[in-house]
């Protein structure tokens, strides 16, 4: 459903809102909005809390061996769950059964990109 803007003011507000959605974000993460939204809503509970043992957003060293396995493995672990060698667990869909496959994959893509380009 398309949103109809009836006034120039409405158009200006919409344009400013779209611009501010990208403000302060590194250009390397442009296009990862869906993944970032999923990360904020679900994944950050573990991937922004070092005590969980989960690889932290932006930690290239922690993500490198995972990224080396390939996206198919990362997606499978995120979708189906995974028990690491140290007993650290990645629950299926980040323990959020409402996430679609595409949502989970977008979050993985966002975290991988963030681990290779920026610090949070």
PDB file of N, CA and C in Angstrom:
ATOM      1  N   UNK A   1       0.842  -1.169   0.000  1.00  0.00           N
ATOM      2  CA  UNK A   1       0.000   0.000   0.000  1.00  0.00           C
ATOM      3  C   UNK A   1       0.887   1.232   0.000  1.00  0.00           C
ATOM      4  N   UNK A   2       0.726   2.075  -0.978  1.00  0.00           N
ATOM      5  CA  UNK A   2       1.550   3.271  -1.096  1.00  0.00           C
ATOM      6  C   UNK A   2       1.016   4.366  -0.191  1.00  0.00           C
ATOM      7  N   UNK A   3       1.940   5.113   0.396  1.00  0.00           N
ATOM      8  CA  UNK A   3       1.560   6.223   1.251  1.00  0.00           C
ATOM      9  C   UNK A   3       1.416   7.465   0.383  1.00  0.00           C
ATOM     10  N   UNK A   4       0.325   8.187   0.527  1.00  0.00           N
ATOM     11  CA  UNK A   4       0.081   9.375  -0.254  1.00  0.00           C
ATOM     12  C   UNK A   4       0.366  10.603   0.592  1.00  0.00           C
ATOM     13  N   UNK A   5       1.235  11.460   0.106  1.00  0.00           N
ATOM     14  CA  UNK A   5       1.564  12.697   0.804  1.00  0.00           C
ATOM     15  C   UNK A   5       0.812  13.831   0.143  1.00  0.00           C
ATOM     16  N   UNK A   6      -0.035  14.498   0.911  1.00  0.00           N
ATOM     17  CA  UNK A   6      -0.920  15.506   0.343  1.00  0.00           C
ATOM     18  C   UNK A   6      -0.344  16.910   0.357  1.00  0.00           C
ATOM     19  N   UNK A   7       0.717  17.124   1.117  1.00  0.00           N
ATOM     20  CA  UNK A   7       1.253  18.475   1.221  1.00  0.00           C
ATOM     21  C   UNK A   7       2.757  18.461   1.015  1.00  0.00           C
ATOM     22  N   UNK A   8       3.327  19.621   0.597  1.00  0.00           N
ATOM     23  CA  UNK A   8       4.785  19.686   0.515  1.00  0.00           C
ATOM     24  C   UNK A   8       5.431  19.443   1.878  1.00  0.00           C
ATOM     25  N   UNK A   9       4.764  19.863   2.950  1.00  0.00           N
ATOM     26  CA  UNK A   9       5.298  19.637   4.288  1.00  0.00           C
ATOM     27  C   UNK A   9       5.418  18.142   4.559  1.00  0.00           C
ATOM     28  N   UNK A  10       4.385  17.384   4.171  1.00  0.00           N
ATOM     29  CA  UNK A  10       4.409  15.942   4.354  1.00  0.00           C
ATOM     30  C   UNK A  10       5.550  15.297   3.596  1.00  0.00           C
ATOM     31  N   UNK A  11       5.807  15.775   2.387  1.00  0.00           N
ATOM     32  CA  UNK A  11       6.915  15.264   1.591  1.00  0.00           C
ATOM     33  C   UNK A  11       8.242  15.573   2.276  1.00  0.00           C
ATOM     34  N   UNK A  12       8.383  16.788   2.788  1.00  0.00           N
ATOM     35  CA  UNK A  12       9.623  17.179   3.466  1.00  0.00           C
ATOM     36  C   UNK A  12       9.860  16.309   4.696  1.00  0.00           C
ATOM     37  N   UNK A  13       8.822  16.047   5.461  1.00  0.00           N
ATOM     38  CA  UNK A  13       8.945  15.207   6.649  1.00  0.00           C
ATOM     39  C   UNK A  13       9.370  13.795   6.245  1.00  0.00           C
ATOM     40  N   UNK A  14       8.764  13.264   5.192  1.00  0.00           N
ATOM     41  CA  UNK A  14       9.113  11.922   4.738  1.00  0.00           C
ATOM     42  C   UNK A  14      10.561  11.854   4.274  1.00  0.00           C
ATOM     43  N   UNK A  15      11.014  12.854   3.539  1.00  0.00           N
ATOM     44  CA  UNK A  15      12.393  12.870   3.057  1.00  0.00           C
ATOM     45  C   UNK A  15      13.388  13.005   4.206  1.00  0.00           C
ATOM     46  N   UNK A  16      13.085  13.850   5.163  1.00  0.00           N
ATOM     47  CA  UNK A  16      13.969  13.996   6.320  1.00  0.00           C
ATOM     48  C   UNK A  16      14.023  12.709   7.128  1.00  0.00           C
ATOM     49  N   UNK A  17      12.895  12.047   7.256  1.00  0.00           N
ATOM     50  CA  UNK A  17      12.876  10.786   7.986  1.00  0.00           C
ATOM     51  C   UNK A  17      13.723   9.735   7.298  1.00  0.00           C
ATOM     52  N   UNK A  18      13.637   9.662   5.974  1.00  0.00           N
ATOM     53  CA  UNK A  18      14.446   8.694   5.235  1.00  0.00           C
ATOM     54  C   UNK A  18      15.925   9.014   5.360  1.00  0.00           C
ATOM     55  N   UNK A  19      16.277  10.285   5.305  1.00  0.00           N
ATOM     56  CA  UNK A  19      17.680  10.676   5.427  1.00  0.00           C
ATOM     57  C   UNK A  19      18.206  10.391   6.826  1.00  0.00           C
ATOM     58  N   UNK A  20      17.390  10.664   7.843  1.00  0.00           N
ATOM     59  CA  UNK A  20      17.863  10.451   9.206  1.00  0.00           C
ATOM     60  C   UNK A  20      17.998   8.973   9.540  1.00  0.00           C
ATOM     61  N   UNK A  21      17.274   8.117   8.813  1.00  0.00           N
ATOM     62  CA  UNK A  21      17.395   6.682   9.056  1.00  0.00           C
ATOM     63  C   UNK A  21      18.802   6.187   8.740  1.00  0.00           C
ATOM     64  N   UNK A  22      19.507   6.900   7.863  1.00  0.00           N
ATOM     65  CA  UNK A  22      20.866   6.513   7.494  1.00  0.00           C
ATOM     66  C   UNK A  22      21.927   7.364   8.181  1.00  0.00           C
ATOM     67  N   UNK A  23      21.519   8.381   8.899  1.00  0.00           N
ATOM     68  CA  UNK A  23      22.477   9.284   9.537  1.00  0.00           C
ATOM     69  C   UNK A  23      23.326   8.535  10.547  1.00  0.00           C
ATOM     70  N   UNK A  24      24.617   8.778  10.509  1.00  0.00           N
ATOM     71  CA  UNK A  24      25.527   8.187  11.469  1.00  0.00           C
ATOM     72  C   UNK A  24      25.880   6.737  11.183  1.00  0.00           C
ATOM     73  N   UNK A  25      25.317   6.155  10.148  1.00  0.00           N
ATOM     74  CA  UNK A  25      25.630   4.785   9.792  1.00  0.00           C
ATOM     75  C   UNK A  25      26.724   4.759   8.748  1.00  0.00           C
ATOM     76  N   UNK A  26      27.701   3.894   8.912  1.00  0.00           N
ATOM     77  CA  UNK A  26      28.766   3.809   7.921  1.00  0.00           C
ATOM     78  C   UNK A  26      28.210   3.429   6.561  1.00  0.00           C
ATOM     79  N   UNK A  27      28.754   3.985   5.479  1.00  0.00           N
ATOM     80  CA  UNK A  27      28.255   3.653   4.149  1.00  0.00           C
ATOM     81  C   UNK A  27      28.354   2.167   3.836  1.00  0.00           C
ATOM     82  N   UNK A  28      29.292   1.469   4.471  1.00  0.00           N
ATOM     83  CA  UNK A  28      29.443   0.038   4.226  1.00  0.00           C
ATOM     84  C   UNK A  28      28.218  -0.756   4.670  1.00  0.00           C
ATOM     85  N   UNK A  29      27.392  -0.170   5.544  1.00  0.00           N
ATOM     86  CA  UNK A  29      26.216  -0.871   6.038  1.00  0.00           C
ATOM     87  C   UNK A  29      24.928  -0.383   5.383  1.00  0.00           C
ATOM     88  N   UNK A  30      25.040   0.505   4.412  1.00  0.00           N
ATOM     89  CA  UNK A  30      23.862   0.936   3.671  1.00  0.00           C
ATOM     90  C   UNK A  30      23.276  -0.282   2.973  1.00  0.00           C
ATOM     91  N   UNK A  31      21.990  -0.415   2.999  1.00  0.00           N
ATOM     92  CA  UNK A  31      21.336  -1.557   2.394  1.00  0.00           C
ATOM     93  C   UNK A  31      21.123  -2.718   3.353  1.00  0.00           C
ATOM     94  N   UNK A  32      21.566  -2.578   4.574  1.00  0.00           N
ATOM     95  CA  UNK A  32      21.418  -3.649   5.558  1.00  0.00           C
ATOM     96  C   UNK A  32      20.377  -3.275   6.620  1.00  0.00           C
ATOM     97  N   UNK A  33      19.424  -2.420   6.270  1.00  0.00           N
ATOM     98  CA  UNK A  33      18.446  -1.927   7.245  1.00  0.00           C
ATOM     99  C   UNK A  33      17.605  -3.056   7.838  1.00  0.00           C
ATOM    100  N   UNK A  34      17.160  -3.973   6.984  1.00  0.00           N
ATOM    101  CA  UNK A  34      16.327  -5.076   7.487  1.00  0.00           C
ATOM    102  C   UNK A  34      17.118  -5.914   8.492  1.00  0.00           C
ATOM    103  N   UNK A  35      18.351  -6.250   8.145  1.00  0.00           N
ATOM    104  CA  UNK A  35      19.186  -7.037   9.048  1.00  0.00           C
ATOM    105  C   UNK A  35      19.465  -6.307  10.342  1.00  0.00           C
ATOM    106  N   UNK A  36      19.698  -4.995  10.241  1.00  0.00           N
ATOM    107  CA  UNK A  36      19.945  -4.199  11.448  1.00  0.00           C
ATOM    108  C   UNK A  36      18.710  -4.182  12.341  1.00  0.00           C
ATOM    109  N   UNK A  37      17.535  -4.064  11.728  1.00  0.00           N
ATOM    110  CA  UNK A  37      16.300  -4.051  12.512  1.00  0.00           C
ATOM    111  C   UNK A  37      16.109  -5.379  13.248  1.00  0.00           C
ATOM    112  N   UNK A  38      16.389  -6.486  12.575  1.00  0.00           N
ATOM    113  CA  UNK A  38      16.288  -7.797  13.228  1.00  0.00           C
ATOM    114  C   UNK A  38      17.326  -7.908  14.334  1.00  0.00           C
ATOM    115  N   UNK A  39      18.534  -7.443  14.051  1.00  0.00           N
ATOM    116  CA  UNK A  39      19.589  -7.474  15.069  1.00  0.00           C
ATOM    117  C   UNK A  39      19.158  -6.677  16.303  1.00  0.00           C
ATOM    118  N   UNK A  40      18.622  -5.485  16.086  1.00  0.00           N
ATOM    119  CA  UNK A  40      18.190  -4.657  17.213  1.00  0.00           C
ATOM    120  C   UNK A  40      17.061  -5.321  18.001  1.00  0.00           C
ATOM    121  N   UNK A  41      16.153  -5.985  17.303  1.00  0.00           N
ATOM    122  CA  UNK A  41      14.994  -6.573  17.954  1.00  0.00           C
ATOM    123  C   UNK A  41      15.240  -7.925  18.593  1.00  0.00           C
ATOM    124  N   UNK A  42      16.230  -8.651  18.118  1.00  0.00           N
ATOM    125  CA  UNK A  42      16.444 -10.015  18.614  1.00  0.00           C
ATOM    126  C   UNK A  42      17.914 -10.304  18.913  1.00  0.00           C
ATOM    127  N   UNK A  43      18.755 -10.153  17.911  1.00  0.00           N
ATOM    128  CA  UNK A  43      20.132 -10.668  17.972  1.00  0.00           C
ATOM    129  C   UNK A  43      21.028  -9.950  18.975  1.00  0.00           C
ATOM    130  N   UNK A  44      20.773  -8.663  19.174  1.00  0.00           N
ATOM    131  CA  UNK A  44      21.670  -7.915  20.067  1.00  0.00           C
ATOM    132  C   UNK A  44      21.632  -8.410  21.503  1.00  0.00           C
ATOM    133  N   UNK A  45      20.580  -9.137  21.875  1.00  0.00           N
ATOM    134  CA  UNK A  45      20.513  -9.669  23.232  1.00  0.00           C
ATOM    135  C   UNK A  45      21.746 -10.508  23.555  1.00  0.00           C
ATOM    136  N   UNK A  46      22.256 -11.215  22.569  1.00  0.00           N
ATOM    137  CA  UNK A  46      23.468 -12.021  22.774  1.00  0.00           C
ATOM    138  C   UNK A  46      24.688 -11.429  22.071  1.00  0.00           C
ATOM    139  N   UNK A  47      24.482 -10.882  20.874  1.00  0.00           N
ATOM    140  CA  UNK A  47      25.604 -10.414  20.064  1.00  0.00           C
ATOM    141  C   UNK A  47      26.062  -9.000  20.432  1.00  0.00           C
ATOM    142  N   UNK A  48      25.539  -8.475  21.541  1.00  0.00           N
ATOM    143  CA  UNK A  48      26.031  -7.208  22.101  1.00  0.00           C
ATOM    144  C   UNK A  48      26.287  -7.362  23.596  1.00  0.00           C
ATOM    145  N   UNK A  49      26.395  -8.607  24.020  1.00  0.00           N
ATOM    146  CA  UNK A  49      26.636  -8.909  25.439  1.00  0.00           C
ATOM    147  C   UNK A  49      27.753  -9.951  25.523  1.00  0.00           C
ATOM    148  N   UNK A  50      28.984  -9.516  25.770  1.00  0.00           N
ATOM    149  CA  UNK A  50      30.131 -10.433  25.753  1.00  0.00           C
ATOM    150  C   UNK A  50      29.988 -11.641  26.673  1.00  0.00           C
ATOM    151  N   UNK A  51      29.282 -11.519  27.770  1.00  0.00           N
ATOM    152  CA  UNK A  51      29.159 -12.624  28.719  1.00  0.00           C
ATOM    153  C   UNK A  51      28.452 -13.837  28.126  1.00  0.00           C
ATOM    154  N   UNK A  52      27.725 -13.642  27.017  1.00  0.00           N
ATOM    155  CA  UNK A  52      26.998 -14.766  26.412  1.00  0.00           C
ATOM    156  C   UNK A  52      27.904 -15.711  25.633  1.00  0.00           C
ATOM    157  N   UNK A  53      29.091 -15.237  25.249  1.00  0.00           N
ATOM    158  CA  UNK A  53      29.981 -16.044  24.428  1.00  0.00           C
ATOM    159  C   UNK A  53      29.699 -15.938  22.944  1.00  0.00           C
ATOM    160  N   UNK A  54      28.654 -15.229  22.572  1.00  0.00           N
ATOM    161  CA  UNK A  54      28.324 -15.041  21.153  1.00  0.00           C
ATOM    162  C   UNK A  54      29.314 -14.064  20.529  1.00  0.00           C
ATOM    163  N   UNK A  55      29.645 -14.262  19.257  1.00  0.00           N
ATOM    164  CA  UNK A  55      30.529 -13.287  18.603  1.00  0.00           C
ATOM    165  C   UNK A  55      29.843 -11.919  18.566  1.00  0.00           C
ATOM    166  N   UNK A  56      30.565 -10.909  18.988  1.00  0.00           N
ATOM    167  CA  UNK A  56      29.989  -9.576  19.124  1.00  0.00           C
ATOM    168  C   UNK A  56      29.994  -8.826  17.797  1.00  0.00           C
ATOM    169  N   UNK A  57      28.986  -8.005  17.616  1.00  0.00           N
ATOM    170  CA  UNK A  57      28.885  -7.198  16.405  1.00  0.00           C
ATOM    171  C   UNK A  57      30.144  -6.348  16.266  1.00  0.00           C
ATOM    172  N   UNK A  58      30.784  -6.432  15.118  1.00  0.00           N
ATOM    173  CA  UNK A  58      31.970  -5.633  14.854  1.00  0.00           C
ATOM    174  C   UNK A  58      33.278  -6.284  15.262  1.00  0.00           C
ATOM    175  N   UNK A  59      33.240  -7.465  15.868  1.00  0.00           N
ATOM    176  CA  UNK A  59      34.455  -8.148  16.320  1.00  0.00           C
ATOM    177  C   UNK A  59      34.972  -9.042  15.196  1.00  0.00           C
ATOM    178  N   UNK A  60      35.841  -8.482  14.358  1.00  0.00           N
ATOM    179  CA  UNK A  60      36.338  -9.194  13.174  1.00  0.00           C
ATOM    180  C   UNK A  60      37.045 -10.487  13.548  1.00  0.00           C
ATOM    181  N   UNK A  61      37.795 -10.478  14.635  1.00  0.00           N
ATOM    182  CA  UNK A  61      38.544 -11.675  15.040  1.00  0.00           C
ATOM    183  C   UNK A  61      37.591 -12.818  15.416  1.00  0.00           C
ATOM    184  N   UNK A  62      36.541 -12.510  16.131  1.00  0.00           N
ATOM    185  CA  UNK A  62      35.589 -13.542  16.536  1.00  0.00           C
ATOM    186  C   UNK A  62      34.786 -14.078  15.351  1.00  0.00           C
ATOM    187  N   UNK A  63      34.492 -13.216  14.404  1.00  0.00           N
ATOM    188  CA  UNK A  63      33.680 -13.623  13.257  1.00  0.00           C
ATOM    189  C   UNK A  63      34.491 -14.325  12.171  1.00  0.00           C
ATOM    190  N   UNK A  64      35.782 -14.088  12.085  1.00  0.00           N
ATOM    191  CA  UNK A  64      36.597 -14.615  10.976  1.00  0.00           C
ATOM    192  C   UNK A  64      36.449 -16.124  10.772  1.00  0.00           C
ATOM    193  N   UNK A  65      36.594 -16.961  11.810  1.00  0.00           N
ATOM    194  CA  UNK A  65      36.458 -18.399  11.553  1.00  0.00           C
ATOM    195  C   UNK A  65      35.038 -18.803  11.157  1.00  0.00           C
ATOM    196  N   UNK A  66      34.075 -18.060  11.625  1.00  0.00           N
ATOM    197  CA  UNK A  66      32.685 -18.349  11.264  1.00  0.00           C
ATOM    198  C   UNK A  66      32.438 -17.975   9.805  1.00  0.00           C
ATOM    199  N   UNK A  67      32.909 -16.800   9.420  1.00  0.00           N
ATOM    200  CA  UNK A  67      32.752 -16.340   8.039  1.00  0.00           C
ATOM    201  C   UNK A  67      33.469 -17.289   7.081  1.00  0.00           C
ATOM    202  N   UNK A  68      34.608 -17.824   7.501  1.00  0.00           N
ATOM    203  CA  UNK A  68      35.382 -18.744   6.659  1.00  0.00           C
ATOM    204  C   UNK A  68      34.597 -20.020   6.328  1.00  0.00           C
ATOM    205  N   UNK A  69      33.624 -20.372   7.149  1.00  0.00           N
ATOM    206  CA  UNK A  69      32.801 -21.561   6.888  1.00  0.00           C
ATOM    207  C   UNK A  69      31.823 -21.347   5.739  1.00  0.00           C
ATOM    208  N   UNK A  70      31.568 -20.094   5.409  1.00  0.00           N
ATOM    209  CA  UNK A  70      30.645 -19.779   4.323  1.00  0.00           C
ATOM    210  C   UNK A  70      29.270 -19.392   4.822  1.00  0.00           C
ATOM    211  N   UNK A  71      28.588 -18.634   3.985  1.00  0.00           N
ATOM    212  CA  UNK A  71      27.253 -18.147   4.363  1.00  0.00           C
ATOM    213  C   UNK A  71      26.251 -19.273   4.564  1.00  0.00           C
ATOM    214  N   UNK A  72      26.349 -20.331   3.769  1.00  0.00           N
ATOM    215  CA  UNK A  72      25.382 -21.428   3.912  1.00  0.00           C
ATOM    216  C   UNK A  72      25.426 -22.017   5.320  1.00  0.00           C
ATOM    217  N   UNK A  73      26.617 -22.182   5.866  1.00  0.00           N
ATOM    218  CA  UNK A  73      26.765 -22.717   7.224  1.00  0.00           C
ATOM    219  C   UNK A  73      26.247 -21.700   8.244  1.00  0.00           C
ATOM    220  N   UNK A  74      26.600 -20.438   8.068  1.00  0.00           N
ATOM    221  CA  UNK A  74      26.111 -19.402   8.991  1.00  0.00           C
ATOM    222  C   UNK A  74      24.584 -19.342   8.989  1.00  0.00           C
ATOM    223  N   UNK A  75      24.005 -19.365   7.813  1.00  0.00           N
ATOM    224  CA  UNK A  75      22.543 -19.347   7.720  1.00  0.00           C
ATOM    225  C   UNK A  75      21.940 -20.570   8.406  1.00  0.00           C
ATOM    226  N   UNK A  76      22.495 -21.751   8.143  1.00  0.00           N
ATOM    227  CA  UNK A  76      21.963 -22.977   8.740  1.00  0.00           C
ATOM    228  C   UNK A  76      22.038 -22.920  10.261  1.00  0.00           C
ATOM    229  N   UNK A  77      23.174 -22.481  10.787  1.00  0.00           N
ATOM    230  CA  UNK A  77      23.315 -22.384  12.247  1.00  0.00           C
ATOM    231  C   UNK A  77      22.320 -21.382  12.833  1.00  0.00           C
ATOM    232  N   UNK A  78      22.127 -20.263  12.143  1.00  0.00           N
ATOM    233  CA  UNK A  78      21.195 -19.251  12.649  1.00  0.00           C
ATOM    234  C   UNK A  78      19.748 -19.729  12.551  1.00  0.00           C
ATOM    235  N   UNK A  79      19.427 -20.453  11.507  1.00  0.00           N
ATOM    236  CA  UNK A  79      18.054 -20.923  11.317  1.00  0.00           C
ATOM    237  C   UNK A  79      17.724 -22.141  12.181  1.00  0.00           C
ATOM    238  N   UNK A  80      18.653 -23.081  12.249  1.00  0.00           N
ATOM    239  CA  UNK A  80      18.380 -24.356  12.926  1.00  0.00           C
ATOM    240  C   UNK A  80      18.934 -24.425  14.339  1.00  0.00           C
ATOM    241  N   UNK A  81      19.854 -23.530  14.657  1.00  0.00           N
ATOM    242  CA  UNK A  81      20.508 -23.563  15.950  1.00  0.00           C
ATOM    243  C   UNK A  81      21.832 -24.300  15.861  1.00  0.00           C
ATOM    244  N   UNK A  82      22.654 -24.106  16.890  1.00  0.00           N
ATOM    245  CA  UNK A  82      23.993 -24.670  16.867  1.00  0.00           C
ATOM    246  C   UNK A  82      24.550 -24.695  18.283  1.00  0.00           C
ATOM    247  N   UNK A  83      25.245 -25.778  18.614  1.00  0.00           N
ATOM    248  CA  UNK A  83      25.930 -25.868  19.896  1.00  0.00           C
ATOM    249  C   UNK A  83      27.425 -25.842  19.615  1.00  0.00           C
ATOM    250  N   UNK A  84      28.096 -24.817  20.104  1.00  0.00           N
ATOM    251  CA  UNK A  84      29.523 -24.653  19.871  1.00  0.00           C
ATOM    252  C   UNK A  84      30.351 -25.602  20.713  1.00  0.00           C
ATOM    253  N   UNK A  85      31.636 -25.704  20.387  1.00  0.00           N
ATOM    254  CA  UNK A  85      32.522 -26.633  21.097  1.00  0.00           C
ATOM    255  C   UNK A  85      32.725 -26.273  22.568  1.00  0.00           C
ATOM    256  N   UNK A  86      32.486 -25.031  22.936  1.00  0.00           N
ATOM    257  CA  UNK A  86      32.636 -24.609  24.333  1.00  0.00           C
ATOM    258  C   UNK A  86      31.310 -24.638  25.088  1.00  0.00           C
ATOM    259  N   UNK A  87      30.281 -25.214  24.443  1.00  0.00           N
ATOM    260  CA  UNK A  87      28.975 -25.273  25.079  1.00  0.00           C
ATOM    261  C   UNK A  87      28.146 -24.024  24.871  1.00  0.00           C
ATOM    262  N   UNK A  88      28.660 -23.109  24.050  1.00  0.00           N
ATOM    263  CA  UNK A  88      27.884 -21.909  23.750  1.00  0.00           C
ATOM    264  C   UNK A  88      26.833 -22.259  22.703  1.00  0.00           C
ATOM    265  N   UNK A  89      25.637 -21.761  22.917  1.00  0.00           N
ATOM    266  CA  UNK A  89      24.520 -22.148  22.070  1.00  0.00           C
ATOM    267  C   UNK A  89      24.016 -20.984  21.247  1.00  0.00           C
ATOM    268  N   UNK A  90      23.746 -21.267  19.970  1.00  0.00           N
ATOM    269  CA  UNK A  90      23.013 -20.356  19.105  1.00  0.00           C
ATOM    270  C   UNK A  90      21.635 -20.988  18.964  1.00  0.00           C
ATOM    271  N   UNK A  91      20.627 -20.418  19.623  1.00  0.00           N
ATOM    272  CA  UNK A  91      19.293 -21.019  19.514  1.00  0.00           C
ATOM    273  C   UNK A  91      18.717 -20.792  18.113  1.00  0.00           C
ATOM    274  N   UNK A  92      17.858 -21.698  17.649  1.00  0.00           N
ATOM    275  CA  UNK A  92      17.238 -21.496  16.343  1.00  0.00           C
ATOM    276  C   UNK A  92      16.551 -20.135  16.265  1.00  0.00           C
ATOM    277  N   UNK A  93      16.819 -19.421  15.174  1.00  0.00           N
ATOM    278  CA  UNK A  93      16.209 -18.110  14.913  1.00  0.00           C
ATOM    279  C   UNK A  93      16.435 -17.131  16.064  1.00  0.00           C
ATOM    280  N   UNK A  94      17.554 -17.294  16.759  1.00  0.00           N
ATOM    281  CA  UNK A  94      17.854 -16.402  17.867  1.00  0.00           C
ATOM    282  C   UNK A  94      16.807 -16.462  18.959  1.00  0.00           C
ATOM    283  N   UNK A  95      16.144 -17.616  19.083  1.00  0.00           N
ATOM    284  CA  UNK A  95      15.066 -17.831  20.058  1.00  0.00           C
ATOM    285  C   UNK A  95      13.834 -16.984  19.756  1.00  0.00           C
ATOM    286  N   UNK A  96      13.702 -16.543  18.506  1.00  0.00           N
ATOM    287  CA  UNK A  96      12.534 -15.772  18.098  1.00  0.00           C
ATOM    288  C   UNK A  96      11.859 -16.515  16.943  1.00  0.00           C
ATOM    289  N   UNK A  97      10.912 -17.403  17.237  1.00  0.00           N
ATOM    290  CA  UNK A  97      10.283 -18.210  16.194  1.00  0.00           C
ATOM    291  C   UNK A  97       9.468 -17.397  15.188  1.00  0.00           C
ATOM    292  N   UNK A  98       9.200 -16.139  15.489  1.00  0.00           N
ATOM    293  CA  UNK A  98       8.429 -15.298  14.574  1.00  0.00           C
ATOM    294  C   UNK A  98       9.254 -14.781  13.398  1.00  0.00           C
ATOM    295  N   UNK A  99      10.583 -14.927  13.457  1.00  0.00           N
ATOM    296  CA  UNK A  99      11.422 -14.443  12.362  1.00  0.00           C
ATOM    297  C   UNK A  99      11.310 -15.368  11.158  1.00  0.00           C
ATOM    298  N   UNK A 100      11.173 -14.764   9.984  1.00  0.00           N
ATOM    299  CA  UNK A 100      11.170 -15.539   8.741  1.00  0.00           C
ATOM    300  C   UNK A 100      12.595 -15.944   8.395  1.00  0.00           C
ATOM    301  N   UNK A 101      12.726 -16.888   7.480  1.00  0.00           N
ATOM    302  CA  UNK A 101      14.053 -17.269   7.004  1.00  0.00           C
ATOM    303  C   UNK A 101      14.797 -16.054   6.461  1.00  0.00           C
ATOM    304  N   UNK A 102      14.090 -15.229   5.695  1.00  0.00           N
ATOM    305  CA  UNK A 102      14.721 -14.043   5.106  1.00  0.00           C
ATOM    306  C   UNK A 102      15.167 -13.051   6.179  1.00  0.00           C
ATOM    307  N   UNK A 103      14.390 -12.921   7.257  1.00  0.00           N
ATOM    308  CA  UNK A 103      14.778 -12.037   8.359  1.00  0.00           C
ATOM    309  C   UNK A 103      16.074 -12.524   8.999  1.00  0.00           C
ATOM    310  N   UNK A 104      16.147 -13.821   9.253  1.00  0.00           N
ATOM    311  CA  UNK A 104      17.334 -14.397   9.894  1.00  0.00           C
ATOM    312  C   UNK A 104      18.554 -14.211   8.994  1.00  0.00           C
ATOM    313  N   UNK A 105      18.390 -14.490   7.711  1.00  0.00           N
ATOM    314  CA  UNK A 105      19.499 -14.335   6.771  1.00  0.00           C
ATOM    315  C   UNK A 105      19.940 -12.870   6.669  1.00  0.00           C
ATOM    316  N   UNK A 106      18.986 -11.959   6.696  1.00  0.00           N
ATOM    317  CA  UNK A 106      19.336 -10.532   6.652  1.00  0.00           C
ATOM    318  C   UNK A 106      20.134 -10.136   7.892  1.00  0.00           C
ATOM    319  N   UNK A 107      19.773 -10.671   9.041  1.00  0.00           N
ATOM    320  CA  UNK A 107      20.520 -10.370  10.271  1.00  0.00           C
ATOM    321  C   UNK A 107      21.931 -10.934  10.199  1.00  0.00           C
ATOM    322  N   UNK A 108      22.068 -12.149   9.686  1.00  0.00           N
ATOM    323  CA  UNK A 108      23.397 -12.745   9.517  1.00  0.00           C
ATOM    324  C   UNK A 108      24.229 -11.874   8.581  1.00  0.00           C
ATOM    325  N   UNK A 109      23.647 -11.480   7.459  1.00  0.00           N
ATOM    326  CA  UNK A 109      24.369 -10.635   6.496  1.00  0.00           C
ATOM    327  C   UNK A 109      24.823  -9.331   7.145  1.00  0.00           C
ATOM    328  N   UNK A 110      23.950  -8.727   7.943  1.00  0.00           N
ATOM    329  CA  UNK A 110      24.285  -7.482   8.636  1.00  0.00           C
ATOM    330  C   UNK A 110      25.448  -7.691   9.603  1.00  0.00           C
ATOM    331  N   UNK A 111      25.388  -8.744  10.410  1.00  0.00           N
ATOM    332  CA  UNK A 111      26.449  -8.987  11.391  1.00  0.00           C
ATOM    333  C   UNK A 111      27.777  -9.310  10.720  1.00  0.00           C
ATOM    334  N   UNK A 112      27.737 -10.085   9.651  1.00  0.00           N
ATOM    335  CA  UNK A 112      28.966 -10.408   8.922  1.00  0.00           C
ATOM    336  C   UNK A 112      29.564  -9.134   8.326  1.00  0.00           C
ATOM    337  N   UNK A 113      28.736  -8.336   7.681  1.00  0.00           N
ATOM    338  CA  UNK A 113      29.237  -7.088   7.086  1.00  0.00           C
ATOM    339  C   UNK A 113      29.808  -6.160   8.155  1.00  0.00           C
ATOM    340  N   UNK A 114      29.117  -6.049   9.271  1.00  0.00           N
ATOM    341  CA  UNK A 114      29.583  -5.177  10.354  1.00  0.00           C
ATOM    342  C   UNK A 114      30.902  -5.682  10.935  1.00  0.00           C
ATOM    343  N   UNK A 115      31.076  -6.987  10.940  1.00  0.00           N
ATOM    344  CA  UNK A 115      32.314  -7.529  11.512  1.00  0.00           C
ATOM    345  C   UNK A 115      33.499  -7.313  10.594  1.00  0.00           C
ATOM    346  N   UNK A 116      33.244  -7.032   9.343  1.00  0.00           N
ATOM    347  CA  UNK A 116      34.315  -6.866   8.378  1.00  0.00           C
ATOM    348  C   UNK A 116      34.632  -5.407   8.077  1.00  0.00           C
ATOM    349  N   UNK A 117      33.747  -4.490   8.488  1.00  0.00           N
ATOM    350  CA  UNK A 117      33.938  -3.110   8.060  1.00  0.00           C
ATOM    351  C   UNK A 117      33.979  -2.077   9.161  1.00  0.00           C
ATOM    352  N   UNK A 118      33.306  -2.308  10.271  1.00  0.00           N
ATOM    353  CA  UNK A 118      33.175  -1.252  11.286  1.00  0.00           C
ATOM    354  C   UNK A 118      33.217  -1.812  12.687  1.00  0.00           C
ATOM    355  N   UNK A 119      33.394  -0.945  13.616  1.00  0.00           N
ATOM    356  CA  UNK A 119      33.187  -1.255  15.031  1.00  0.00           C
ATOM    357  C   UNK A 119      31.871  -0.599  15.421  1.00  0.00           C
ATOM    358  N   UNK A 120      31.062  -1.266  16.266  1.00  0.00           N
ATOM    359  CA  UNK A 120      29.749  -0.686  16.639  1.00  0.00           C
ATOM    360  C   UNK A 120      29.902   0.623  17.389  1.00  0.00           C
TER     361      UNK A 120
END
